[in-house]
Structures are given as C-alpha cells and as structure tokens.
Amino acid sequence: SGYGPPRWARGARYYGDGYGPTYVVHDYRGYGLRAPPRGHYWRRSDAGDYLLVAVATGIITDLILRH
C-alpha cells in the first residue's frame, strides 16, 4: 500500500520489472505519435502514458503523460 503509478521522467531508466504492465506500441501513428528514432521504441502504460525508450540503455528520452 502507499504505492501509486510510477513517476516517469526523461533521463530515468525504464525497468520492466516492478512496474505495472506497459506495452510496446507498434502502431505509433494510430496513437498520434511520431515515428521513434532509430534505436528507440514507444511503450504505453495502462494509465495511458507514452514513453520513448532507448533500446540499448533503457533510458526514457521522451514522454507524453496523460494528466
């Protein structure tokens, strides 16, 4: 108890373990997202947040929060 949704931040490392489920967004245009740069991919959380994550490092390079 006392835990809420993760607080995503640019420059933070995305770790799959320990977070609520997130999903890789393959149809980024269908979600109104720009194409990810080479070596990055979009993830979507159950809360509707979108994370642009670097494949090699797991660093969140951009995000769109649903607030």
N, C-alpha and C. Protein backbone atom coordinates (compact mmCIF):
# COMPACT_ATOMS: atom_id res chain seq x y z
N SER A 1 0.84 -1.18 0.00
CA SER A 1 0.00 0.00 0.00
C SER A 1 0.88 1.23 0.00
N GLY A 2 0.32 2.35 -0.39
CA GLY A 2 1.09 3.58 -0.45
C GLY A 2 1.80 3.77 -1.77
N TYR A 3 1.69 2.79 -2.64
CA TYR A 3 2.36 2.89 -3.94
C TYR A 3 1.34 3.31 -4.99
N GLY A 4 1.71 4.30 -5.77
CA GLY A 4 0.87 4.73 -6.87
C GLY A 4 1.51 4.35 -8.17
N PRO A 5 1.02 4.91 -9.24
CA PRO A 5 1.65 4.63 -10.53
C PRO A 5 3.07 5.19 -10.55
N PRO A 6 3.94 4.63 -11.37
CA PRO A 6 5.32 5.12 -11.43
C PRO A 6 5.35 6.57 -11.90
N ARG A 7 6.34 7.29 -11.46
CA ARG A 7 6.56 8.67 -11.91
C ARG A 7 7.63 8.62 -12.98
N TRP A 8 7.17 8.68 -14.21
CA TRP A 8 8.10 8.64 -15.33
C TRP A 8 8.82 9.97 -15.45
N ALA A 9 10.05 9.94 -15.93
CA ALA A 9 10.82 11.17 -16.12
C ALA A 9 11.83 10.97 -17.25
N ARG A 10 12.06 12.03 -18.02
CA ARG A 10 13.11 11.98 -19.04
C ARG A 10 14.45 11.75 -18.34
N GLY A 11 15.26 10.92 -18.93
CA GLY A 11 16.58 10.64 -18.37
C GLY A 11 16.57 9.51 -17.36
N ALA A 12 15.39 9.08 -16.91
CA ALA A 12 15.30 7.95 -15.98
C ALA A 12 15.40 6.66 -16.78
N ARG A 13 15.79 5.61 -16.11
CA ARG A 13 15.90 4.32 -16.78
C ARG A 13 14.57 3.59 -16.65
N TYR A 14 14.10 3.02 -17.74
CA TYR A 14 12.89 2.22 -17.72
C TYR A 14 13.25 0.79 -17.37
N TYR A 15 12.66 0.31 -16.31
CA TYR A 15 12.83 -1.09 -15.93
C TYR A 15 11.48 -1.76 -16.05
N GLY A 16 11.39 -2.83 -16.79
CA GLY A 16 10.12 -3.54 -16.95
C GLY A 16 9.66 -4.18 -15.66
N ASP A 17 10.60 -4.76 -14.92
CA ASP A 17 10.24 -5.43 -13.67
C ASP A 17 9.89 -4.40 -12.61
N GLY A 18 8.83 -4.66 -11.90
CA GLY A 18 8.45 -3.80 -10.79
C GLY A 18 7.45 -2.72 -11.17
N TYR A 19 7.26 -2.49 -12.47
CA TYR A 19 6.27 -1.51 -12.92
C TYR A 19 5.00 -2.24 -13.28
N GLY A 20 3.91 -1.49 -13.31
CA GLY A 20 2.68 -2.04 -13.86
C GLY A 20 2.92 -2.38 -15.32
N PRO A 21 2.01 -3.13 -15.90
CA PRO A 21 2.24 -3.54 -17.29
C PRO A 21 2.33 -2.36 -18.25
N THR A 22 3.26 -2.44 -19.16
CA THR A 22 3.35 -1.49 -20.27
C THR A 22 3.42 -2.33 -21.54
N TYR A 23 3.10 -1.71 -22.63
CA TYR A 23 3.01 -2.42 -23.90
C TYR A 23 3.78 -1.67 -24.96
N VAL A 24 4.50 -2.41 -25.80
CA VAL A 24 5.19 -1.80 -26.92
C VAL A 24 4.14 -1.33 -27.92
N VAL A 25 4.29 -0.10 -28.38
CA VAL A 25 3.37 0.48 -29.35
C VAL A 25 3.97 0.29 -30.74
N HIS A 26 3.40 -0.62 -31.51
CA HIS A 26 3.87 -0.84 -32.88
C HIS A 26 3.18 0.11 -33.85
N ASP A 27 1.91 0.42 -33.59
CA ASP A 27 1.12 1.31 -34.45
C ASP A 27 1.16 2.73 -33.89
N TYR A 28 2.36 3.31 -33.82
CA TYR A 28 2.50 4.63 -33.18
C TYR A 28 1.69 5.70 -33.90
N ARG A 29 1.56 5.63 -35.20
CA ARG A 29 0.76 6.64 -35.92
C ARG A 29 -0.71 6.56 -35.52
N GLY A 30 -1.20 5.36 -35.27
CA GLY A 30 -2.57 5.17 -34.83
C GLY A 30 -2.84 5.81 -33.48
N TYR A 31 -1.79 6.01 -32.70
CA TYR A 31 -1.91 6.66 -31.40
C TYR A 31 -1.52 8.14 -31.45
N GLY A 32 -1.25 8.62 -32.67
CA GLY A 32 -0.89 10.03 -32.82
C GLY A 32 0.54 10.35 -32.40
N LEU A 33 1.41 9.33 -32.40
CA LEU A 33 2.80 9.51 -32.01
C LEU A 33 3.68 9.62 -33.25
N ARG A 34 4.79 10.32 -33.11
CA ARG A 34 5.75 10.40 -34.22
C ARG A 34 6.55 9.10 -34.29
N ALA A 35 7.15 8.87 -35.42
CA ALA A 35 7.97 7.67 -35.59
C ALA A 35 9.14 7.74 -34.61
N PRO A 36 9.43 6.65 -33.92
CA PRO A 36 10.57 6.67 -32.99
C PRO A 36 11.88 6.74 -33.77
N PRO A 37 12.85 7.47 -33.25
CA PRO A 37 14.16 7.48 -33.92
C PRO A 37 14.78 6.09 -33.90
N ARG A 38 15.74 5.89 -34.76
CA ARG A 38 16.45 4.60 -34.79
C ARG A 38 16.98 4.27 -33.39
N GLY A 39 16.78 3.05 -32.96
CA GLY A 39 17.27 2.61 -31.66
C GLY A 39 16.34 2.95 -30.50
N HIS A 40 15.12 3.38 -30.79
CA HIS A 40 14.13 3.72 -29.76
C HIS A 40 12.81 3.03 -30.07
N TYR A 41 11.96 2.94 -29.07
CA TYR A 41 10.61 2.43 -29.29
C TYR A 41 9.67 3.09 -28.28
N TRP A 42 8.40 3.10 -28.61
CA TRP A 42 7.37 3.65 -27.73
C TRP A 42 6.78 2.55 -26.86
N ARG A 43 6.49 2.88 -25.60
CA ARG A 43 5.76 2.00 -24.70
C ARG A 43 4.56 2.77 -24.18
N ARG A 44 3.46 2.07 -23.91
CA ARG A 44 2.25 2.68 -23.36
C ARG A 44 1.92 1.99 -22.06
N SER A 45 1.66 2.77 -21.02
CA SER A 45 1.27 2.20 -19.73
C SER A 45 -0.24 2.03 -19.68
N ASP A 46 -0.72 1.27 -18.70
CA ASP A 46 -2.16 1.11 -18.50
C ASP A 46 -2.84 2.44 -18.21
N ALA A 47 -2.09 3.40 -17.67
CA ALA A 47 -2.64 4.72 -17.35
C ALA A 47 -2.72 5.62 -18.57
N GLY A 48 -2.19 5.16 -19.71
CA GLY A 48 -2.23 5.96 -20.93
C GLY A 48 -1.02 6.85 -21.14
N ASP A 49 0.04 6.64 -20.37
CA ASP A 49 1.29 7.38 -20.56
C ASP A 49 2.08 6.71 -21.68
N TYR A 50 2.78 7.53 -22.48
CA TYR A 50 3.63 7.03 -23.56
C TYR A 50 5.07 7.37 -23.26
N LEU A 51 5.93 6.37 -23.38
CA LEU A 51 7.36 6.53 -23.08
C LEU A 51 8.17 6.20 -24.32
N LEU A 52 9.08 7.07 -24.68
CA LEU A 52 10.02 6.80 -25.77
C LEU A 52 11.31 6.31 -25.11
N VAL A 53 11.63 5.06 -25.34
CA VAL A 53 12.72 4.40 -24.62
C VAL A 53 13.84 4.01 -25.58
N ALA A 54 15.09 4.26 -25.18
CA ALA A 54 16.25 3.83 -25.95
C ALA A 54 16.46 2.33 -25.73
N VAL A 55 16.54 1.58 -26.81
CA VAL A 55 16.66 0.13 -26.73
C VAL A 55 17.94 -0.28 -25.98
N ALA A 56 19.06 0.31 -26.31
CA ALA A 56 20.35 -0.12 -25.78
C ALA A 56 20.52 0.18 -24.29
N THR A 57 19.96 1.30 -23.83
CA THR A 57 20.22 1.73 -22.45
C THR A 57 19.00 1.68 -21.54
N GLY A 58 17.80 1.67 -22.13
CA GLY A 58 16.59 1.71 -21.31
C GLY A 58 16.26 3.11 -20.80
N ILE A 59 16.98 4.12 -21.28
CA ILE A 59 16.74 5.50 -20.84
C ILE A 59 15.49 6.05 -21.53
N ILE A 60 14.64 6.69 -20.74
CA ILE A 60 13.44 7.35 -21.28
C ILE A 60 13.89 8.68 -21.86
N THR A 61 13.74 8.82 -23.18
CA THR A 61 14.22 10.04 -23.83
C THR A 61 13.10 11.04 -24.08
N ASP A 62 11.87 10.59 -24.05
CA ASP A 62 10.72 11.50 -24.16
C ASP A 62 9.52 10.81 -23.57
N LEU A 63 8.52 11.59 -23.21
CA LEU A 63 7.31 11.02 -22.65
C LEU A 63 6.14 11.94 -22.88
N ILE A 64 4.97 11.32 -22.92
CA ILE A 64 3.71 12.05 -23.00
C ILE A 64 2.85 11.49 -21.88
N LEU A 65 2.56 12.33 -20.90
CA LEU A 65 1.80 11.89 -19.74
C LEU A 65 0.33 12.23 -19.89
N ARG A 66 -0.51 11.34 -19.48
CA ARG A 66 -1.96 11.57 -19.50
C ARG A 66 -2.36 12.12 -18.15
N HIS A 67 -2.54 13.43 -18.10
CA HIS A 67 -2.96 14.08 -16.84
C HIS A 67 -4.11 15.00 -17.11
